[in-house]
Amino acid sequence: MNPTYPYIDPGTGGKITGMIAAADKILSLADKYTKIVAGHGPLGNKADLTKSRDMLITSRGRVQKLKSAGKSAQEVVAEKAFADLDPLWGQGIINCDQWIQIVYLTL
């Protein structure tokens, strides 16, 4: 929810679709007064979670398109498909290249 790429653990079955589904569920229960506690960072709200969910959906779509075209994870990294997202979302402990690889593994 904070403007950083989240960690999804593919080794324990984590999937980007699960993160999106969880965000959708929370958004369906939240209103403009709801305070959302993220795993890290400041308190958020429905608008913050919506932005995070939208980034997840964008990430999934871009990686899925390249993966479906037969690109390896390293080739997807080389595409720089997240150049527009990275200035905001890539400022945490997970950088753009790592995020692409995580998304790739969770598809």
N, C-alpha and C. Protein backbone atom coordinates (compact mmCIF):
# COMPACT_ATOMS: atom_id res chain seq x y z
N MET A 1 0.82 -1.18 0.00
CA MET A 1 0.00 0.00 0.00
C MET A 1 0.87 1.26 0.00
N ASN A 2 1.98 1.21 0.68
CA ASN A 2 2.90 2.34 0.61
C ASN A 2 3.53 2.36 -0.77
N PRO A 3 3.99 3.50 -1.22
CA PRO A 3 4.50 3.56 -2.59
C PRO A 3 5.86 2.88 -2.75
N THR A 4 5.89 1.58 -2.51
CA THR A 4 7.07 0.76 -2.77
C THR A 4 6.58 -0.58 -3.31
N TYR A 5 7.44 -1.24 -4.06
CA TYR A 5 7.09 -2.58 -4.53
C TYR A 5 7.00 -3.51 -3.32
N PRO A 6 5.94 -4.31 -3.22
CA PRO A 6 5.81 -5.22 -2.08
C PRO A 6 6.59 -6.50 -2.31
N TYR A 7 6.81 -7.25 -1.24
CA TYR A 7 7.44 -8.55 -1.39
C TYR A 7 6.35 -9.61 -1.42
N ILE A 8 6.38 -10.42 -2.44
CA ILE A 8 5.50 -11.58 -2.56
C ILE A 8 6.43 -12.78 -2.57
N ASP A 9 6.19 -13.74 -1.69
CA ASP A 9 7.09 -14.89 -1.55
C ASP A 9 6.63 -16.05 -2.41
N PRO A 10 7.20 -16.20 -3.61
CA PRO A 10 6.79 -17.31 -4.47
C PRO A 10 7.19 -18.67 -3.90
N GLY A 11 8.20 -18.69 -3.04
CA GLY A 11 8.66 -19.95 -2.44
C GLY A 11 7.65 -20.58 -1.51
N THR A 12 6.74 -19.77 -0.98
CA THR A 12 5.70 -20.30 -0.09
C THR A 12 4.32 -20.24 -0.73
N GLY A 13 4.30 -20.07 -2.05
CA GLY A 13 3.03 -20.09 -2.77
C GLY A 13 2.42 -18.72 -3.00
N GLY A 14 3.15 -17.66 -2.65
CA GLY A 14 2.62 -16.31 -2.87
C GLY A 14 2.43 -16.03 -4.35
N LYS A 15 1.36 -15.36 -4.68
CA LYS A 15 1.02 -15.02 -6.06
C LYS A 15 0.59 -13.57 -6.14
N ILE A 16 0.90 -12.93 -7.24
CA ILE A 16 0.45 -11.56 -7.43
C ILE A 16 -1.07 -11.51 -7.53
N THR A 17 -1.69 -12.54 -8.08
CA THR A 17 -3.15 -12.57 -8.14
C THR A 17 -3.76 -12.61 -6.74
N GLY A 18 -3.08 -13.23 -5.80
CA GLY A 18 -3.55 -13.25 -4.42
C GLY A 18 -3.46 -11.88 -3.78
N MET A 19 -2.39 -11.15 -4.08
CA MET A 19 -2.25 -9.78 -3.56
C MET A 19 -3.36 -8.89 -4.12
N ILE A 20 -3.64 -9.05 -5.39
CA ILE A 20 -4.70 -8.25 -6.02
C ILE A 20 -6.05 -8.62 -5.42
N ALA A 21 -6.31 -9.90 -5.24
CA ALA A 21 -7.58 -10.34 -4.65
C ALA A 21 -7.73 -9.81 -3.22
N ALA A 22 -6.66 -9.82 -2.45
CA ALA A 22 -6.72 -9.30 -1.07
C ALA A 22 -7.02 -7.80 -1.09
N ALA A 23 -6.36 -7.07 -1.98
CA ALA A 23 -6.62 -5.63 -2.08
C ALA A 23 -8.07 -5.38 -2.49
N ASP A 24 -8.57 -6.15 -3.45
CA ASP A 24 -9.96 -6.00 -3.88
C ASP A 24 -10.93 -6.24 -2.72
N LYS A 25 -10.66 -7.27 -1.92
CA LYS A 25 -11.52 -7.58 -0.78
C LYS A 25 -11.54 -6.44 0.23
N ILE A 26 -10.35 -5.94 0.56
CA ILE A 26 -10.27 -4.83 1.52
C ILE A 26 -10.96 -3.59 0.95
N LEU A 27 -10.74 -3.31 -0.32
CA LEU A 27 -11.38 -2.14 -0.93
C LEU A 27 -12.90 -2.26 -0.92
N SER A 28 -13.42 -3.48 -1.04
CA SER A 28 -14.88 -3.66 -1.01
C SER A 28 -15.47 -3.40 0.37
N LEU A 29 -14.64 -3.49 1.40
CA LEU A 29 -15.08 -3.27 2.77
C LEU A 29 -14.80 -1.85 3.27
N ALA A 30 -13.90 -1.15 2.61
CA ALA A 30 -13.45 0.16 3.06
C ALA A 30 -14.34 1.28 2.54
N ASP A 31 -14.32 2.39 3.27
CA ASP A 31 -14.94 3.61 2.79
C ASP A 31 -13.93 4.74 2.93
N LYS A 32 -14.35 5.96 2.67
CA LYS A 32 -13.39 7.07 2.70
C LYS A 32 -12.85 7.36 4.09
N TYR A 33 -13.45 6.80 5.12
CA TYR A 33 -12.99 7.03 6.49
C TYR A 33 -12.12 5.89 7.03
N THR A 34 -12.03 4.81 6.29
CA THR A 34 -11.28 3.63 6.74
C THR A 34 -9.79 3.94 6.78
N LYS A 35 -9.16 3.55 7.87
CA LYS A 35 -7.70 3.65 8.00
C LYS A 35 -7.14 2.26 7.76
N ILE A 36 -6.13 2.17 6.92
CA ILE A 36 -5.56 0.88 6.55
C ILE A 36 -4.12 0.82 7.06
N VAL A 37 -3.83 -0.23 7.82
CA VAL A 37 -2.50 -0.42 8.38
C VAL A 37 -1.71 -1.33 7.45
N ALA A 38 -0.67 -0.78 6.86
CA ALA A 38 0.18 -1.55 5.96
C ALA A 38 1.21 -2.33 6.78
N GLY A 39 1.86 -3.27 6.16
CA GLY A 39 2.90 -4.03 6.84
C GLY A 39 4.09 -3.17 7.22
N HIS A 40 4.34 -2.13 6.44
CA HIS A 40 5.45 -1.20 6.68
C HIS A 40 4.98 0.20 6.31
N GLY A 41 5.52 1.17 6.95
CA GLY A 41 5.23 2.55 6.58
C GLY A 41 4.04 3.14 7.30
N PRO A 42 3.61 4.30 6.82
CA PRO A 42 2.56 5.05 7.50
C PRO A 42 1.17 4.45 7.29
N LEU A 43 0.25 4.92 8.10
CA LEU A 43 -1.16 4.58 7.98
C LEU A 43 -1.65 5.02 6.61
N GLY A 44 -2.50 4.21 5.99
CA GLY A 44 -3.01 4.55 4.68
C GLY A 44 -4.52 4.64 4.67
N ASN A 45 -5.06 4.84 3.47
CA ASN A 45 -6.51 4.93 3.32
C ASN A 45 -6.92 4.21 2.02
N LYS A 46 -8.19 4.28 1.71
CA LYS A 46 -8.70 3.57 0.54
C LYS A 46 -8.03 4.05 -0.75
N ALA A 47 -7.78 5.33 -0.87
CA ALA A 47 -7.12 5.85 -2.08
C ALA A 47 -5.71 5.30 -2.22
N ASP A 48 -4.99 5.19 -1.10
CA ASP A 48 -3.64 4.63 -1.13
C ASP A 48 -3.66 3.18 -1.58
N LEU A 49 -4.60 2.41 -1.03
CA LEU A 49 -4.69 1.00 -1.41
C LEU A 49 -5.12 0.84 -2.86
N THR A 50 -5.97 1.73 -3.34
CA THR A 50 -6.38 1.68 -4.75
C THR A 50 -5.18 1.89 -5.66
N LYS A 51 -4.32 2.84 -5.33
CA LYS A 51 -3.11 3.08 -6.12
C LYS A 51 -2.19 1.86 -6.11
N SER A 52 -2.06 1.24 -4.96
CA SER A 52 -1.22 0.06 -4.84
C SER A 52 -1.79 -1.10 -5.67
N ARG A 53 -3.09 -1.31 -5.56
CA ARG A 53 -3.75 -2.37 -6.33
C ARG A 53 -3.59 -2.11 -7.82
N ASP A 54 -3.73 -0.87 -8.24
CA ASP A 54 -3.58 -0.54 -9.66
C ASP A 54 -2.16 -0.84 -10.15
N MET A 55 -1.16 -0.56 -9.30
CA MET A 55 0.22 -0.88 -9.66
C MET A 55 0.41 -2.39 -9.80
N LEU A 56 -0.21 -3.16 -8.90
CA LEU A 56 -0.13 -4.62 -8.98
C LEU A 56 -0.74 -5.13 -10.29
N ILE A 57 -1.89 -4.59 -10.64
CA ILE A 57 -2.57 -5.01 -11.88
C ILE A 57 -1.72 -4.65 -13.10
N THR A 58 -1.16 -3.45 -13.10
CA THR A 58 -0.29 -3.03 -14.20
C THR A 58 0.93 -3.92 -14.30
N SER A 59 1.54 -4.20 -13.16
CA SER A 59 2.74 -5.06 -13.14
C SER A 59 2.41 -6.44 -13.68
N ARG A 60 1.33 -7.02 -13.20
CA ARG A 60 0.94 -8.36 -13.66
C ARG A 60 0.72 -8.36 -15.17
N GLY A 61 0.00 -7.39 -15.67
CA GLY A 61 -0.30 -7.34 -17.10
C GLY A 61 0.93 -7.22 -17.97
N ARG A 62 1.84 -6.35 -17.57
CA ARG A 62 3.05 -6.15 -18.37
C ARG A 62 3.95 -7.38 -18.37
N VAL A 63 4.14 -7.97 -17.20
CA VAL A 63 5.01 -9.15 -17.13
C VAL A 63 4.34 -10.34 -17.82
N GLN A 64 3.04 -10.50 -17.61
CA GLN A 64 2.34 -11.63 -18.24
C GLN A 64 2.44 -11.56 -19.76
N LYS A 65 2.29 -10.37 -20.30
CA LYS A 65 2.38 -10.20 -21.76
C LYS A 65 3.74 -10.65 -22.28
N LEU A 66 4.81 -10.23 -21.61
CA LEU A 66 6.16 -10.59 -22.06
C LEU A 66 6.47 -12.06 -21.80
N LYS A 67 6.00 -12.58 -20.66
CA LYS A 67 6.21 -14.00 -20.35
C LYS A 67 5.47 -14.88 -21.36
N SER A 68 4.25 -14.48 -21.70
CA SER A 68 3.47 -15.24 -22.68
C SER A 68 4.09 -15.20 -24.06
N ALA A 69 4.87 -14.16 -24.33
CA ALA A 69 5.58 -14.05 -25.60
C ALA A 69 6.86 -14.87 -25.61
N GLY A 70 7.13 -15.58 -24.50
CA GLY A 70 8.29 -16.46 -24.44
C GLY A 70 9.54 -15.83 -23.84
N LYS A 71 9.44 -14.64 -23.30
CA LYS A 71 10.60 -13.97 -22.71
C LYS A 71 10.94 -14.60 -21.35
N SER A 72 12.23 -14.73 -21.09
CA SER A 72 12.69 -15.18 -19.77
C SER A 72 12.58 -14.02 -18.79
N ALA A 73 12.74 -14.32 -17.51
CA ALA A 73 12.69 -13.26 -16.49
C ALA A 73 13.76 -12.20 -16.77
N GLN A 74 14.96 -12.63 -17.13
CA GLN A 74 16.03 -11.67 -17.41
C GLN A 74 15.73 -10.83 -18.65
N GLU A 75 15.08 -11.42 -19.62
CA GLU A 75 14.70 -10.65 -20.81
C GLU A 75 13.62 -9.62 -20.47
N VAL A 76 12.72 -10.00 -19.57
CA VAL A 76 11.69 -9.06 -19.14
C VAL A 76 12.34 -7.90 -18.38
N VAL A 77 13.31 -8.19 -17.53
CA VAL A 77 14.05 -7.13 -16.83
C VAL A 77 14.68 -6.19 -17.85
N ALA A 78 15.30 -6.76 -18.87
CA ALA A 78 16.00 -5.95 -19.88
C ALA A 78 15.04 -5.05 -20.68
N GLU A 79 13.77 -5.42 -20.73
CA GLU A 79 12.77 -4.62 -21.46
C GLU A 79 12.51 -3.26 -20.81
N LYS A 80 12.86 -3.12 -19.53
CA LYS A 80 12.61 -1.87 -18.78
C LYS A 80 11.13 -1.48 -18.83
N ALA A 81 10.27 -2.49 -18.69
CA ALA A 81 8.83 -2.30 -18.81
C ALA A 81 8.21 -1.48 -17.68
N PHE A 82 8.97 -1.26 -16.61
CA PHE A 82 8.44 -0.51 -15.47
C PHE A 82 9.11 0.84 -15.30
N ALA A 83 9.72 1.35 -16.35
CA ALA A 83 10.45 2.62 -16.25
C ALA A 83 9.55 3.75 -15.73
N ASP A 84 8.27 3.71 -16.08
CA ASP A 84 7.35 4.75 -15.62
C ASP A 84 6.91 4.55 -14.17
N LEU A 85 6.90 3.32 -13.68
CA LEU A 85 6.49 3.03 -12.31
C LEU A 85 7.62 3.20 -11.31
N ASP A 86 8.82 2.95 -11.76
CA ASP A 86 9.95 2.87 -10.85
C ASP A 86 10.26 4.14 -10.06
N PRO A 87 10.11 5.34 -10.62
CA PRO A 87 10.43 6.52 -9.81
C PRO A 87 9.61 6.61 -8.51
N LEU A 88 8.38 6.14 -8.53
CA LEU A 88 7.56 6.16 -7.31
C LEU A 88 7.70 4.87 -6.52
N TRP A 89 7.50 3.74 -7.17
CA TRP A 89 7.38 2.46 -6.48
C TRP A 89 8.72 1.80 -6.19
N GLY A 90 9.77 2.18 -6.88
CA GLY A 90 11.07 1.53 -6.73
C GLY A 90 11.98 2.12 -5.68
N GLN A 91 11.43 2.82 -4.72
CA GLN A 91 12.26 3.48 -3.72
C GLN A 91 12.35 2.71 -2.40
N GLY A 92 11.84 1.49 -2.37
CA GLY A 92 11.89 0.68 -1.15
C GLY A 92 13.02 -0.32 -1.19
N ILE A 93 12.88 -1.40 -0.43
CA ILE A 93 13.94 -2.41 -0.37
C ILE A 93 13.96 -3.30 -1.61
N ILE A 94 12.87 -3.30 -2.37
CA ILE A 94 12.81 -4.09 -3.60
C ILE A 94 12.92 -3.14 -4.78
N ASN A 95 13.94 -3.34 -5.59
CA ASN A 95 14.10 -2.47 -6.76
C ASN A 95 13.32 -3.03 -7.95
N CYS A 96 13.32 -2.30 -9.02
CA CYS A 96 12.55 -2.65 -10.20
C CYS A 96 12.91 -4.03 -10.75
N ASP A 97 14.20 -4.31 -10.87
CA ASP A 97 14.63 -5.60 -11.42
C ASP A 97 14.15 -6.75 -10.54
N GLN A 98 14.25 -6.58 -9.23
CA GLN A 98 13.78 -7.62 -8.30
C GLN A 98 12.27 -7.78 -8.41
N TRP A 99 11.54 -6.67 -8.50
CA TRP A 99 10.09 -6.72 -8.59
C TRP A 99 9.64 -7.48 -9.85
N ILE A 100 10.27 -7.19 -10.96
CA ILE A 100 9.94 -7.90 -12.19
C ILE A 100 10.14 -9.39 -12.02
N GLN A 101 11.26 -9.79 -11.42
CA GLN A 101 11.54 -11.21 -11.21
C GLN A 101 10.51 -11.85 -10.27
N ILE A 102 10.11 -11.13 -9.22
CA ILE A 102 9.11 -11.65 -8.29
C ILE A 102 7.79 -11.84 -9.02
N VAL A 103 7.36 -10.84 -9.77
CA VAL A 103 6.09 -10.95 -10.50
C VAL A 103 6.18 -12.12 -11.48
N TYR A 104 7.27 -12.22 -12.20
CA TYR A 104 7.46 -13.31 -13.17
C TYR A 104 7.29 -14.67 -12.50
N LEU A 105 7.92 -14.84 -11.35
CA LEU A 105 7.86 -16.13 -10.63
C LEU A 105 6.49 -16.44 -10.07
N THR A 106 5.69 -15.39 -9.83
CA THR A 106 4.38 -15.62 -9.20
C THR A 106 3.25 -15.75 -10.21
N LEU A 107 3.59 -15.71 -11.48
CA LEU A 107 2.56 -15.89 -12.52
C LEU A 107 2.43 -17.34 -12.93
